[in-house]
C-alpha atoms as a PDB file:
ATOM      1  CA  MET A   1     116.415  92.533 270.529  1.00  0.00           C
ATOM      2  CA  ASN A   2     113.374  94.910 270.149  1.00  0.00           C
ATOM      3  CA  TYR A   3     115.894  97.795 270.534  1.00  0.00           C
ATOM      4  CA  ILE A   4     117.866  96.635 267.551  1.00  0.00           C
ATOM      5  CA  LEU A   5     114.603  96.093 265.507  1.00  0.00           C
ATOM      6  CA  ALA A   6     113.880  99.695 266.534  1.00  0.00           C
ATOM      7  CA  ILE A   7     117.049 100.872 264.721  1.00  0.00           C
ATOM      8  CA  LEU A   8     116.179  99.135 261.572  1.00  0.00           C
ATOM      9  CA  LEU A   9     112.468  99.142 261.413  1.00  0.00           C
ATOM     10  CA  PRO A  10     110.797 101.438 263.860  1.00  0.00           C
ATOM     11  CA  PRO A  11     107.086 100.728 262.947  1.00  0.00           C
ATOM     12  CA  LEU A  12     107.555  97.020 263.369  1.00  0.00           C
ATOM     13  CA  SER A  13     109.218  97.417 266.705  1.00  0.00           C
ATOM     14  CA  ILE A  14     106.313  99.764 267.766  1.00  0.00           C
ATOM     15  CA  LEU A  15     103.853  97.019 266.660  1.00  0.00           C
ATOM     16  CA  LEU A  16     105.627  94.314 268.725  1.00  0.00           C
ATOM     17  CA  THR A  17     105.298  96.630 271.746  1.00  0.00           C
ATOM     18  CA  GLY A  18     101.553  96.225 271.578  1.00  0.00           C
ATOM     19  CA  ARG A  19     100.489  99.424 269.707  1.00  0.00           C
ATOM     20  CA  PRO A  20      99.030  98.383 266.435  1.00  0.00           C
ATOM     21  CA  PHE A  21      97.208 101.734 265.644  1.00  0.00           C
ATOM     22  CA  LEU A  22     100.306 103.773 266.339  1.00  0.00           C
ATOM     23  CA  ALA A  23     102.606 101.409 264.239  1.00  0.00           C
ATOM     24  CA  ILE A  24     100.241 101.897 261.245  1.00  0.00           C
ATOM     25  CA  VAL A  25     100.368 105.679 261.662  1.00  0.00           C
ATOM     26  CA  VAL A  26     104.091 105.779 262.156  1.00  0.00           C
ATOM     27  CA  PHE A  27     104.563 103.476 258.990  1.00  0.00           C
ATOM     28  CA  LEU A  28     102.291 105.889 256.920  1.00  0.00           C
ATOM     29  CA  ILE A  29     104.586 108.794 258.065  1.00  0.00           C
ATOM     30  CA  TRP A  30     107.992 106.871 258.136  1.00  0.00           C
ATOM     31  CA  ILE A  31     108.022 105.777 254.386  1.00  0.00           C
ATOM     32  CA  PRO A  32     107.444 109.226 252.896  1.00  0.00           C
ATOM     33  CA  ALA A  33     109.845 110.744 255.397  1.00  0.00           C
ATOM     34  CA  LEU A  34     112.624 108.308 254.387  1.00  0.00           C
ATOM     35  CA  ILE A  35     111.904 108.986 250.691  1.00  0.00           C
ATOM     36  CA  PHE A  36     111.788 112.884 250.781  1.00  0.00           C
ATOM     37  CA  SER A  37     114.253 113.574 253.618  1.00  0.00           C
ATOM     38  CA  GLY A  38     116.809 110.958 252.541  1.00  0.00           C
ATOM     39  CA  GLY A  39     116.766 109.320 255.964  1.00  0.00           C
ATOM     40  CA  LEU A  40     117.308 112.475 258.056  1.00  0.00           C
ATOM     41  CA  THR A  41     114.105 111.952 260.147  1.00  0.00           C
ATOM     42  CA  HIS A  42     114.911 108.188 260.841  1.00  0.00           C
ATOM     43  CA  PRO A  43     116.519 109.016 264.192  1.00  0.00           C
ATOM     44  CA  MET A  44     113.273 110.703 265.301  1.00  0.00           C
ATOM     45  CA  PHE A  45     111.389 107.366 264.655  1.00  0.00           C
ATOM     46  CA  ILE A  46     114.073 105.332 266.475  1.00  0.00           C
ATOM     47  CA  LEU A  47     113.777 107.544 269.489  1.00  0.00           C
ATOM     48  CA  LEU A  48     109.982 107.189 269.467  1.00  0.00           C
ATOM     49  CA  ALA A  49     110.251 103.348 269.255  1.00  0.00           C
ATOM     50  CA  TRP A  50     112.819 103.396 272.068  1.00  0.00           C
ATOM     51  CA  PHE A  51     110.626 105.451 274.183  1.00  0.00           C
ATOM     52  CA  LEU A  52     107.623 103.142 273.710  1.00  0.00           C
ATOM     53  CA  ILE A  53     109.593  99.912 274.224  1.00  0.00           C
ATOM     54  CA  PHE A  54     110.952 101.530 277.656  1.00  0.00           C
ATOM     55  CA  HIS A  55     107.511 102.565 278.608  1.00  0.00           C
ATOM     56  CA  ALA A  56     105.953  99.166 277.773  1.00  0.00           C
ATOM     57  CA  ARG A  57     108.682  97.569 279.957  1.00  0.00           C
ATOM     58  CA  GLU A  58     108.117  99.885 282.819  1.00  0.00           C
ATOM     59  CA  ASP A  59     104.367  99.182 282.578  1.00  0.00           C
ATOM     60  CA  ARG A  60     104.991  95.483 282.730  1.00  0.00           C
ATOM     61  CA  ARG A  61     107.378  95.915 285.736  1.00  0.00           C
ATOM     62  CA  GLN A  62     104.944  98.029 287.531  1.00  0.00           C
ATOM     63  CA  HIS A  63     101.976  95.703 286.863  1.00  0.00           C
ATOM     64  CA  ARG A  64     104.145  92.569 288.077  1.00  0.00           C
ATOM     65  CA  ASP A  65     105.181  94.457 291.245  1.00  0.00           C
ATOM     66  CA  LEU A  66     101.479  95.323 292.078  1.00  0.00           C
ATOM     67  CA  SER A  67     100.434  91.636 291.647  1.00  0.00           C
END
């Protein structure tokens, strides 16, 4: 579900992965980028969100395996 949310609202998806500071920074960059580029930069933010979701999942998996 978080991957679908990353397509629509990447900053919210990043916030849900547990990175509030990065979500705020991405939000402050994402809004003007959408307005001035007409959405051409949106895929970049989607990829960033997907990478962070994947990384958070791998961290949880590693932590679970070590415990």
